Amino acid sequence: MFEKYIKMENKESHMSVSIKDIDEDAFRNLKAEAVRMGIKVGDAATEAFRMWVASKRQSKSRDREKMLEAARDMDRIRSETESGWSGVKEIRRWRDIRKR
């Protein structure tokens, strides 16, 4: 691991940052790709940070969409079943059958 320490200087919307405990291979790969693309390592790191945050936000959004879809399915199934039917009782009935 690289031993870097946090140091920040505000320069408009940019700042200088040193980060502790960066995986050496990950940093070297980022740096090599930045050189190949002809951009600064800081610009490549900024893009990587933004992409990481965006992917986390997107996965939370997908999880929320899945939960909402599941809730809609449960509501639909409830409305299609006979009144008095209980999912809990049905699950217990099937568990009892499996135990025999």
PDB file of N, CA and C in Angstrom:
ATOM      1  N   MET A   1       0.826  -1.190   0.000  1.00  0.00           N
ATOM      2  CA  MET A   1       0.000   0.000   0.000  1.00  0.00           C
ATOM      3  C   MET A   1       0.872   1.256   0.000  1.00  0.00           C
ATOM      4  N   PHE A   2       0.433   2.239  -0.749  1.00  0.00           N
ATOM      5  CA  PHE A   2       1.125   3.521  -0.720  1.00  0.00           C
ATOM      6  C   PHE A   2       0.813   4.214   0.587  1.00  0.00           C
ATOM      7  N   GLU A   3       1.768   4.846   1.152  1.00  0.00           N
ATOM      8  CA  GLU A   3       1.541   5.624   2.358  1.00  0.00           C
ATOM      9  C   GLU A   3       1.437   7.089   1.958  1.00  0.00           C
ATOM     10  N   LYS A   4       0.232   7.556   1.762  1.00  0.00           N
ATOM     11  CA  LYS A   4      -0.023   8.956   1.418  1.00  0.00           C
ATOM     12  C   LYS A   4      -0.820   9.561   2.560  1.00  0.00           C
ATOM     13  N   TYR A   5      -0.711  10.844   2.719  1.00  0.00           N
ATOM     14  CA  TYR A   5      -1.423  11.524   3.791  1.00  0.00           C
ATOM     15  C   TYR A   5      -2.278  12.640   3.211  1.00  0.00           C
ATOM     16  N   ILE A   6      -3.411  12.893   3.827  1.00  0.00           N
ATOM     17  CA  ILE A   6      -4.346  13.883   3.307  1.00  0.00           C
ATOM     18  C   ILE A   6      -3.797  15.293   3.512  1.00  0.00           C
ATOM     19  N   LYS A   7      -3.753  16.031   2.404  1.00  0.00           N
ATOM     20  CA  LYS A   7      -3.356  17.429   2.414  1.00  0.00           C
ATOM     21  C   LYS A   7      -4.261  18.125   1.420  1.00  0.00           C
ATOM     22  N   MET A   8      -4.965  19.153   1.824  1.00  0.00           N
ATOM     23  CA  MET A   8      -5.911  19.800   0.929  1.00  0.00           C
ATOM     24  C   MET A   8      -5.564  21.266   0.739  1.00  0.00           C
ATOM     25  N   GLU A   9      -5.637  21.721  -0.505  1.00  0.00           N
ATOM     26  CA  GLU A   9      -5.497  23.131  -0.832  1.00  0.00           C
ATOM     27  C   GLU A   9      -6.636  23.480  -1.763  1.00  0.00           C
ATOM     28  N   ASN A  10      -7.439  24.457  -1.414  1.00  0.00           N
ATOM     29  CA  ASN A  10      -8.523  24.883  -2.302  1.00  0.00           C
ATOM     30  C   ASN A  10      -7.956  25.725  -3.431  1.00  0.00           C
ATOM     31  N   LYS A  11      -8.288  25.347  -4.646  1.00  0.00           N
ATOM     32  CA  LYS A  11      -7.943  26.108  -5.837  1.00  0.00           C
ATOM     33  C   LYS A  11      -9.184  26.115  -6.695  1.00  0.00           C
ATOM     34  N   GLU A  12      -9.996  27.162  -6.549  1.00  0.00           N
ATOM     35  CA  GLU A  12     -11.288  27.237  -7.215  1.00  0.00           C
ATOM     36  C   GLU A  12     -12.086  25.996  -6.855  1.00  0.00           C
ATOM     37  N   SER A  13     -12.429  25.151  -7.851  1.00  0.00           N
ATOM     38  CA  SER A  13     -13.196  23.944  -7.542  1.00  0.00           C
ATOM     39  C   SER A  13     -12.300  22.717  -7.455  1.00  0.00           C
ATOM     40  N   HIS A  14     -11.011  22.909  -7.506  1.00  0.00           N
ATOM     41  CA  HIS A  14     -10.061  21.796  -7.397  1.00  0.00           C
ATOM     42  C   HIS A  14      -9.328  21.886  -6.070  1.00  0.00           C
ATOM     43  N   MET A  15      -8.813  20.771  -5.624  1.00  0.00           N
ATOM     44  CA  MET A  15      -7.987  20.787  -4.435  1.00  0.00           C
ATOM     45  C   MET A  15      -6.932  19.709  -4.561  1.00  0.00           C
ATOM     46  N   SER A  16      -5.837  19.901  -3.874  1.00  0.00           N
ATOM     47  CA  SER A  16      -4.773  18.904  -3.845  1.00  0.00           C
ATOM     48  C   SER A  16      -5.046  17.972  -2.683  1.00  0.00           C
ATOM     49  N   VAL A  17      -4.999  16.664  -2.951  1.00  0.00           N
ATOM     50  CA  VAL A  17      -5.301  15.684  -1.921  1.00  0.00           C
ATOM     51  C   VAL A  17      -4.263  14.575  -1.979  1.00  0.00           C
ATOM     52  N   SER A  18      -3.768  14.202  -0.843  1.00  0.00           N
ATOM     53  CA  SER A  18      -2.931  13.008  -0.726  1.00  0.00           C
ATOM     54  C   SER A  18      -3.754  11.998   0.043  1.00  0.00           C
ATOM     55  N   ILE A  19      -3.812  10.765  -0.446  1.00  0.00           N
ATOM     56  CA  ILE A  19      -4.672   9.752   0.162  1.00  0.00           C
ATOM     57  C   ILE A  19      -3.813   8.633   0.723  1.00  0.00           C
ATOM     58  N   LYS A  20      -4.120   8.230   1.939  1.00  0.00           N
ATOM     59  CA  LYS A  20      -3.385   7.164   2.610  1.00  0.00           C
ATOM     60  C   LYS A  20      -3.979   5.801   2.247  1.00  0.00           C
ATOM     61  N   ASP A  21      -3.130   4.792   2.158  1.00  0.00           N
ATOM     62  CA  ASP A  21      -3.530   3.393   1.962  1.00  0.00           C
ATOM     63  C   ASP A  21      -4.217   3.119   0.626  1.00  0.00           C
ATOM     64  N   ILE A  22      -3.650   3.624  -0.456  1.00  0.00           N
ATOM     65  CA  ILE A  22      -4.145   3.327  -1.797  1.00  0.00           C
ATOM     66  C   ILE A  22      -3.469   2.037  -2.262  1.00  0.00           C
ATOM     67  N   ASP A  23      -4.249   1.154  -2.854  1.00  0.00           N
ATOM     68  CA  ASP A  23      -3.688  -0.075  -3.408  1.00  0.00           C
ATOM     69  C   ASP A  23      -2.709   0.299  -4.518  1.00  0.00           C
ATOM     70  N   GLU A  24      -1.497  -0.181  -4.414  1.00  0.00           N
ATOM     71  CA  GLU A  24      -0.426   0.214  -5.333  1.00  0.00           C
ATOM     72  C   GLU A  24      -0.754  -0.148  -6.784  1.00  0.00           C
ATOM     73  N   ASP A  25      -1.246  -1.355  -7.016  1.00  0.00           N
ATOM     74  CA  ASP A  25      -1.586  -1.769  -8.385  1.00  0.00           C
ATOM     75  C   ASP A  25      -2.713  -0.919  -8.967  1.00  0.00           C
ATOM     76  N   ALA A  26      -3.711  -0.631  -8.155  1.00  0.00           N
ATOM     77  CA  ALA A  26      -4.828   0.197  -8.625  1.00  0.00           C
ATOM     78  C   ALA A  26      -4.331   1.581  -9.018  1.00  0.00           C
ATOM     79  N   PHE A  27      -3.455   2.159  -8.198  1.00  0.00           N
ATOM     80  CA  PHE A  27      -2.925   3.487  -8.510  1.00  0.00           C
ATOM     81  C   PHE A  27      -2.068   3.450  -9.762  1.00  0.00           C
ATOM     82  N   ARG A  28      -1.217   2.447  -9.877  1.00  0.00           N
ATOM     83  CA  ARG A  28      -0.362   2.347 -11.070  1.00  0.00           C
ATOM     84  C   ARG A  28      -1.185   2.170 -12.337  1.00  0.00           C
ATOM     85  N   ASN A  29      -2.241   1.366 -12.253  1.00  0.00           N
ATOM     86  CA  ASN A  29      -3.110   1.179 -13.415  1.00  0.00           C
ATOM     87  C   ASN A  29      -3.810   2.480 -13.798  1.00  0.00           C
ATOM     88  N   LEU A  30      -4.294   3.213 -12.795  1.00  0.00           N
ATOM     89  CA  LEU A  30      -4.935   4.498 -13.055  1.00  0.00           C
ATOM     90  C   LEU A  30      -3.944   5.463 -13.700  1.00  0.00           C
ATOM     91  N   LYS A  31      -2.753   5.531 -13.146  1.00  0.00           N
ATOM     92  CA  LYS A  31      -1.728   6.436 -13.660  1.00  0.00           C
ATOM     93  C   LYS A  31      -1.333   6.058 -15.092  1.00  0.00           C
ATOM     94  N   ALA A  32      -1.147   4.769 -15.357  1.00  0.00           N
ATOM     95  CA  ALA A  32      -0.758   4.320 -16.696  1.00  0.00           C
ATOM     96  C   ALA A  32      -1.845   4.651 -17.716  1.00  0.00           C
ATOM     97  N   GLU A  33      -3.088   4.458 -17.334  1.00  0.00           N
ATOM     98  CA  GLU A  33      -4.194   4.763 -18.247  1.00  0.00           C
ATOM     99  C   GLU A  33      -4.291   6.266 -18.497  1.00  0.00           C
ATOM    100  N   ALA A  34      -4.065   7.054 -17.462  1.00  0.00           N
ATOM    101  CA  ALA A  34      -4.082   8.510 -17.623  1.00  0.00           C
ATOM    102  C   ALA A  34      -2.987   8.953 -18.589  1.00  0.00           C
ATOM    103  N   VAL A  35      -1.807   8.375 -18.445  1.00  0.00           N
ATOM    104  CA  VAL A  35      -0.700   8.704 -19.355  1.00  0.00           C
ATOM    105  C   VAL A  35      -1.056   8.320 -20.784  1.00  0.00           C
ATOM    106  N   ARG A  36      -1.626   7.127 -20.968  1.00  0.00           N
ATOM    107  CA  ARG A  36      -2.020   6.678 -22.311  1.00  0.00           C
ATOM    108  C   ARG A  36      -3.035   7.633 -22.944  1.00  0.00           C
ATOM    109  N   MET A  37      -3.927   8.163 -22.095  1.00  0.00           N
ATOM    110  CA  MET A  37      -4.967   9.053 -22.601  1.00  0.00           C
ATOM    111  C   MET A  37      -4.497  10.504 -22.694  1.00  0.00           C
ATOM    112  N   GLY A  38      -3.328  10.775 -22.132  1.00  0.00           N
ATOM    113  CA  GLY A  38      -2.792  12.129 -22.179  1.00  0.00           C
ATOM    114  C   GLY A  38      -3.491  13.093 -21.246  1.00  0.00           C
ATOM    115  N   ILE A  39      -3.966  12.582 -20.112  1.00  0.00           N
ATOM    116  CA  ILE A  39      -4.611  13.448 -19.124  1.00  0.00           C
ATOM    117  C   ILE A  39      -3.865  13.373 -17.806  1.00  0.00           C
ATOM    118  N   LYS A  40      -4.129  14.338 -16.934  1.00  0.00           N
ATOM    119  CA  LYS A  40      -3.498  14.359 -15.620  1.00  0.00           C
ATOM    120  C   LYS A  40      -4.064  13.235 -14.759  1.00  0.00           C
ATOM    121  N   VAL A  41      -3.245  12.722 -13.867  1.00  0.00           N
ATOM    122  CA  VAL A  41      -3.684  11.685 -12.940  1.00  0.00           C
ATOM    123  C   VAL A  41      -4.842  12.208 -12.087  1.00  0.00           C
ATOM    124  N   GLY A  42      -4.775  13.466 -11.686  1.00  0.00           N
ATOM    125  CA  GLY A  42      -5.850  14.058 -10.896  1.00  0.00           C
ATOM    126  C   GLY A  42      -7.177  14.065 -11.645  1.00  0.00           C
ATOM    127  N   ASP A  43      -7.122  14.351 -12.964  1.00  0.00           N
ATOM    128  CA  ASP A  43      -8.344  14.337 -13.762  1.00  0.00           C
ATOM    129  C   ASP A  43      -8.900  12.914 -13.872  1.00  0.00           C
ATOM    130  N   ALA A  44      -8.005  11.939 -14.031  1.00  0.00           N
ATOM    131  CA  ALA A  44      -8.442  10.535 -14.093  1.00  0.00           C
ATOM    132  C   ALA A  44      -9.041  10.106 -12.759  1.00  0.00           C
ATOM    133  N   ALA A  45      -8.408  10.507 -11.655  1.00  0.00           N
ATOM    134  CA  ALA A  45      -8.923  10.156 -10.326  1.00  0.00           C
ATOM    135  C   ALA A  45     -10.274  10.816 -10.088  1.00  0.00           C
ATOM    136  N   THR A  46     -10.426  12.071 -10.505  1.00  0.00           N
ATOM    137  CA  THR A  46     -11.702  12.768 -10.363  1.00  0.00           C
ATOM    138  C   THR A  46     -12.798  12.023 -11.105  1.00  0.00           C
ATOM    139  N   GLU A  47     -12.487  11.598 -12.328  1.00  0.00           N
ATOM    140  CA  GLU A  47     -13.470  10.836 -13.107  1.00  0.00           C
ATOM    141  C   GLU A  47     -13.811   9.523 -12.406  1.00  0.00           C
ATOM    142  N   ALA A  48     -12.797   8.844 -11.868  1.00  0.00           N
ATOM    143  CA  ALA A  48     -13.023   7.585 -11.154  1.00  0.00           C
ATOM    144  C   ALA A  48     -13.897   7.814  -9.921  1.00  0.00           C
ATOM    145  N   PHE A  49     -13.626   8.879  -9.175  1.00  0.00           N
ATOM    146  CA  PHE A  49     -14.437   9.193  -7.987  1.00  0.00           C
ATOM    147  C   PHE A  49     -15.882   9.438  -8.383  1.00  0.00           C
ATOM    148  N   ARG A  50     -16.089  10.233  -9.436  1.00  0.00           N
ATOM    149  CA  ARG A  50     -17.449  10.546  -9.877  1.00  0.00           C
ATOM    150  C   ARG A  50     -18.183   9.299 -10.357  1.00  0.00           C
ATOM    151  N   MET A  51     -17.483   8.436 -11.095  1.00  0.00           N
ATOM    152  CA  MET A  51     -18.108   7.208 -11.587  1.00  0.00           C
ATOM    153  C   MET A  51     -18.481   6.288 -10.423  1.00  0.00           C
ATOM    154  N   TRP A  52     -17.623   6.206  -9.409  1.00  0.00           N
ATOM    155  CA  TRP A  52     -17.897   5.349  -8.252  1.00  0.00           C
ATOM    156  C   TRP A  52     -19.149   5.836  -7.524  1.00  0.00           C
ATOM    157  N   VAL A  53     -19.227   7.148  -7.293  1.00  0.00           N
ATOM    158  CA  VAL A  53     -20.390   7.712  -6.598  1.00  0.00           C
ATOM    159  C   VAL A  53     -21.654   7.489  -7.426  1.00  0.00           C
ATOM    160  N   ALA A  54     -21.567   7.726  -8.736  1.00  0.00           N
ATOM    161  CA  ALA A  54     -22.729   7.535  -9.608  1.00  0.00           C
ATOM    162  C   ALA A  54     -23.203   6.086  -9.586  1.00  0.00           C
ATOM    163  N   SER A  55     -22.265   5.137  -9.593  1.00  0.00           N
ATOM    164  CA  SER A  55     -22.657   3.721  -9.587  1.00  0.00           C
ATOM    165  C   SER A  55     -23.351   3.349  -8.281  1.00  0.00           C
ATOM    166  N   LYS A  56     -22.903   3.919  -7.166  1.00  0.00           N
ATOM    167  CA  LYS A  56     -23.546   3.645  -5.874  1.00  0.00           C
ATOM    168  C   LYS A  56     -24.954   4.218  -5.845  1.00  0.00           C
ATOM    169  N   ARG A  57     -25.104   5.428  -6.365  1.00  0.00           N
ATOM    170  CA  ARG A  57     -26.439   6.050  -6.404  1.00  0.00           C
ATOM    171  C   ARG A  57     -27.364   5.281  -7.323  1.00  0.00           C
ATOM    172  N   GLN A  58     -26.823   4.816  -8.448  1.00  0.00           N
ATOM    173  CA  GLN A  58     -27.645   4.076  -9.401  1.00  0.00           C
ATOM    174  C   GLN A  58     -28.093   2.748  -8.807  1.00  0.00           C
ATOM    175  N   SER A  59     -27.203   2.056  -8.079  1.00  0.00           N
ATOM    176  CA  SER A  59     -27.602   0.773  -7.496  1.00  0.00           C
ATOM    177  C   SER A  59     -28.675   0.978  -6.430  1.00  0.00           C
ATOM    178  N   LYS A  60     -28.597   2.084  -5.670  1.00  0.00           N
ATOM    179  CA  LYS A  60     -29.641   2.372  -4.688  1.00  0.00           C
ATOM    180  C   LYS A  60     -30.970   2.610  -5.394  1.00  0.00           C
ATOM    181  N   SER A  61     -30.911   3.299  -6.527  1.00  0.00           N
ATOM    182  CA  SER A  61     -32.119   3.579  -7.302  1.00  0.00           C
ATOM    183  C   SER A  61     -32.719   2.284  -7.832  1.00  0.00           C
ATOM    184  N   ARG A  62     -31.860   1.381  -8.344  1.00  0.00           N
ATOM    185  CA  ARG A  62     -32.349   0.093  -8.852  1.00  0.00           C
ATOM    186  C   ARG A  62     -32.969  -0.720  -7.728  1.00  0.00           C
ATOM    187  N   ASP A  63     -32.348  -0.716  -6.539  1.00  0.00           N
ATOM    188  CA  ASP A  63     -32.897  -1.451  -5.398  1.00  0.00           C
ATOM    189  C   ASP A  63     -34.276  -0.901  -5.034  1.00  0.00           C
ATOM    190  N   ARG A  64     -34.406   0.406  -5.052  1.00  0.00           N
ATOM    191  CA  ARG A  64     -35.695   1.034  -4.733  1.00  0.00           C
ATOM    192  C   ARG A  64     -36.741   0.634  -5.768  1.00  0.00           C
ATOM    193  N   GLU A  65     -36.367   0.636  -7.045  1.00  0.00           N
ATOM    194  CA  GLU A  65     -37.301   0.242  -8.101  1.00  0.00           C
ATOM    195  C   GLU A  65     -37.741  -1.210  -7.926  1.00  0.00           C
ATOM    196  N   LYS A  66     -36.807  -2.083  -7.561  1.00  0.00           N
ATOM    197  CA  LYS A  66     -37.147  -3.491  -7.337  1.00  0.00           C
ATOM    198  C   LYS A  66     -38.106  -3.644  -6.160  1.00  0.00           C
ATOM    199  N   MET A  67     -37.872  -2.889  -5.091  1.00  0.00           N
ATOM    200  CA  MET A  67     -38.749  -2.968  -3.927  1.00  0.00           C
ATOM    201  C   MET A  67     -40.153  -2.474  -4.271  1.00  0.00           C
ATOM    202  N   LEU A  68     -40.235  -1.375  -5.029  1.00  0.00           N
ATOM    203  CA  LEU A  68     -41.540  -0.855  -5.425  1.00  0.00           C
ATOM    204  C   LEU A  68     -42.273  -1.845  -6.324  1.00  0.00           C
ATOM    205  N   GLU A  69     -41.533  -2.493  -7.227  1.00  0.00           N
ATOM    206  CA  GLU A  69     -42.144  -3.498  -8.103  1.00  0.00           C
ATOM    207  C   GLU A  69     -42.664  -4.679  -7.288  1.00  0.00           C
ATOM    208  N   ALA A  70     -41.877  -5.124  -6.315  1.00  0.00           N
ATOM    209  CA  ALA A  70     -42.307  -6.230  -5.451  1.00  0.00           C
ATOM    210  C   ALA A  70     -43.557  -5.846  -4.668  1.00  0.00           C
ATOM    211  N   ALA A  71     -43.606  -4.618  -4.164  1.00  0.00           N
ATOM    212  CA  ALA A  71     -44.782  -4.164  -3.415  1.00  0.00           C
ATOM    213  C   ALA A  71     -46.013  -4.142  -4.321  1.00  0.00           C
ATOM    214  N   ARG A  72     -45.848  -3.681  -5.562  1.00  0.00           N
ATOM    215  CA  ARG A  72     -46.977  -3.670  -6.512  1.00  0.00           C
ATOM    216  C   ARG A  72     -47.447  -5.091  -6.799  1.00  0.00           C
ATOM    217  N   ASP A  73     -46.493  -6.034  -6.953  1.00  0.00           N
ATOM    218  CA  ASP A  73     -46.854  -7.439  -7.190  1.00  0.00           C
ATOM    219  C   ASP A  73     -47.624  -8.012  -6.006  1.00  0.00           C
ATOM    220  N   MET A  74     -47.159  -7.703  -4.788  1.00  0.00           N
ATOM    221  CA  MET A  74     -47.857  -8.209  -3.603  1.00  0.00           C
ATOM    222  C   MET A  74     -49.270  -7.650  -3.531  1.00  0.00           C
ATOM    223  N   ASP A  75     -49.426  -6.369  -3.823  1.00  0.00           N
ATOM    224  CA  ASP A  75     -50.766  -5.764  -3.811  1.00  0.00           C
ATOM    225  C   ASP A  75     -51.662  -6.415  -4.857  1.00  0.00           C
ATOM    226  N   ARG A  76     -51.111  -6.672  -6.047  1.00  0.00           N
ATOM    227  CA  ARG A  76     -51.882  -7.305  -7.121  1.00  0.00           C
ATOM    228  C   ARG A  76     -52.316  -8.712  -6.713  1.00  0.00           C
ATOM    229  N   ILE A  77     -51.394  -9.485  -6.144  1.00  0.00           N
ATOM    230  CA  ILE A  77     -51.695 -10.855  -5.727  1.00  0.00           C
ATOM    231  C   ILE A  77     -52.758 -10.853  -4.628  1.00  0.00           C
ATOM    232  N   ARG A  78     -52.633  -9.920  -3.676  1.00  0.00           N
ATOM    233  CA  ARG A  78     -53.642  -9.820  -2.607  1.00  0.00           C
ATOM    234  C   ARG A  78     -55.025  -9.546  -3.178  1.00  0.00           C
ATOM    235  N   SER A  79     -55.070  -8.657  -4.176  1.00  0.00           N
ATOM    236  CA  SER A  79     -56.375  -8.289  -4.743  1.00  0.00           C
ATOM    237  C   SER A  79     -56.979  -9.428  -5.556  1.00  0.00           C
ATOM    238  N   GLU A  80     -56.147 -10.343  -6.059  1.00  0.00           N
ATOM    239  CA  GLU A  80     -56.637 -11.456  -6.878  1.00  0.00           C
ATOM    240  C   GLU A  80     -57.034 -12.677  -6.056  1.00  0.00           C
ATOM    241  N   THR A  81     -56.672 -12.705  -4.793  1.00  0.00           N
ATOM    242  CA  THR A  81     -56.966 -13.881  -3.963  1.00  0.00           C
ATOM    243  C   THR A  81     -58.318 -13.745  -3.291  1.00  0.00           C
ATOM    244  N   GLU A  82     -58.795 -14.889  -2.817  1.00  0.00           N
ATOM    245  CA  GLU A  82     -60.082 -14.916  -2.106  1.00  0.00           C
ATOM    246  C   GLU A  82     -59.961 -14.143  -0.796  1.00  0.00           C
ATOM    247  N   SER A  83     -61.032 -13.513  -0.392  1.00  0.00           N
ATOM    248  CA  SER A  83     -60.996 -12.834   0.902  1.00  0.00           C
ATOM    249  C   SER A  83     -60.915 -13.909   1.983  1.00  0.00           C
ATOM    250  N   GLY A  84     -60.210 -13.617   3.028  1.00  0.00           N
ATOM    251  CA  GLY A  84     -60.037 -14.592   4.099  1.00  0.00           C
ATOM    252  C   GLY A  84     -58.808 -15.462   3.917  1.00  0.00           C
ATOM    253  N   TRP A  85     -58.202 -15.424   2.744  1.00  0.00           N
ATOM    254  CA  TRP A  85     -56.981 -16.201   2.496  1.00  0.00           C
ATOM    255  C   TRP A  85     -55.832 -15.523   3.198  1.00  0.00           C
ATOM    256  N   SER A  86     -54.960 -16.301   3.813  1.00  0.00           N
ATOM    257  CA  SER A  86     -53.822 -15.755   4.546  1.00  0.00           C
ATOM    258  C   SER A  86     -52.535 -16.383   4.042  1.00  0.00           C
ATOM    259  N   GLY A  87     -51.631 -15.558   3.594  1.00  0.00           N
ATOM    260  CA  GLY A  87     -50.331 -16.040   3.143  1.00  0.00           C
ATOM    261  C   GLY A  87     -49.566 -16.710   4.268  1.00  0.00           C
ATOM    262  N   VAL A  88     -49.676 -16.153   5.456  1.00  0.00           N
ATOM    263  CA  VAL A  88     -48.992 -16.729   6.619  1.00  0.00           C
ATOM    264  C   VAL A  88     -49.512 -18.136   6.890  1.00  0.00           C
ATOM    265  N   LYS A  89     -50.841 -18.301   6.876  1.00  0.00           N
ATOM    266  CA  LYS A  89     -51.419 -19.632   7.114  1.00  0.00           C
ATOM    267  C   LYS A  89     -50.998 -20.608   6.026  1.00  0.00           C
ATOM    268  N   GLU A  90     -50.938 -20.122   4.794  1.00  0.00           N
ATOM    269  CA  GLU A  90     -50.541 -20.980   3.668  1.00  0.00           C
ATOM    270  C   GLU A  90     -49.095 -21.453   3.810  1.00  0.00           C
ATOM    271  N   ILE A  91     -48.225 -20.539   4.183  1.00  0.00           N
ATOM    272  CA  ILE A  91     -46.814 -20.899   4.385  1.00  0.00           C
ATOM    273  C   ILE A  91     -46.686 -21.911   5.514  1.00  0.00           C
ATOM    274  N   ARG A  92     -47.397 -21.700   6.605  1.00  0.00           N
ATOM    275  CA  ARG A  92     -47.347 -22.647   7.729  1.00  0.00           C
ATOM    276  C   ARG A  92     -47.871 -24.012   7.311  1.00  0.00           C
ATOM    277  N   ARG A  93     -48.950 -24.020   6.502  1.00  0.00           N
ATOM    278  CA  ARG A  93     -49.519 -25.285   6.020  1.00  0.00           C
ATOM    279  C   ARG A  93     -48.476 -26.052   5.200  1.00  0.00           C
ATOM    280  N   TRP A  94     -47.788 -25.347   4.296  1.00  0.00           N
ATOM    281  CA  TRP A  94     -46.770 -26.002   3.465  1.00  0.00           C
ATOM    282  C   TRP A  94     -45.589 -26.475   4.301  1.00  0.00           C
ATOM    283  N   ARG A  95     -45.205 -25.711   5.320  1.00  0.00           N
ATOM    284  CA  ARG A  95     -44.116 -26.134   6.206  1.00  0.00           C
ATOM    285  C   ARG A  95     -44.506 -27.408   6.945  1.00  0.00           C
ATOM    286  N   ASP A  96     -45.751 -27.457   7.422  1.00  0.00           N
ATOM    287  CA  ASP A  96     -46.223 -28.642   8.142  1.00  0.00           C
ATOM    288  C   ASP A  96     -46.220 -29.855   7.226  1.00  0.00           C
ATOM    289  N   ILE A  97     -46.612 -29.666   5.978  1.00  0.00           N
ATOM    290  CA  ILE A  97     -46.614 -30.780   5.022  1.00  0.00           C
ATOM    291  C   ILE A  97     -45.199 -31.293   4.795  1.00  0.00           C
ATOM    292  N   ARG A  98     -44.238 -30.386   4.675  1.00  0.00           N
ATOM    293  CA  ARG A  98     -42.835 -30.777   4.446  1.00  0.00           C
ATOM    294  C   ARG A  98     -42.234 -31.497   5.640  1.00  0.00           C
ATOM    295  N   LYS A  99     -42.692 -31.179   6.846  1.00  0.00           N
ATOM    296  CA  LYS A  99     -42.150 -31.824   8.049  1.00  0.00           C
ATOM    297  C   LYS A  99     -42.563 -33.284   8.165  1.00  0.00           C
ATOM    298  N   ARG A 100     -43.651 -33.652   7.522  1.00  0.00           N
ATOM    299  CA  ARG A 100     -44.174 -35.016   7.667  1.00  0.00           C
ATOM    300  C   ARG A 100     -43.331 -36.016   6.974  1.00  0.00           C
TER     301      ARG A 100
END
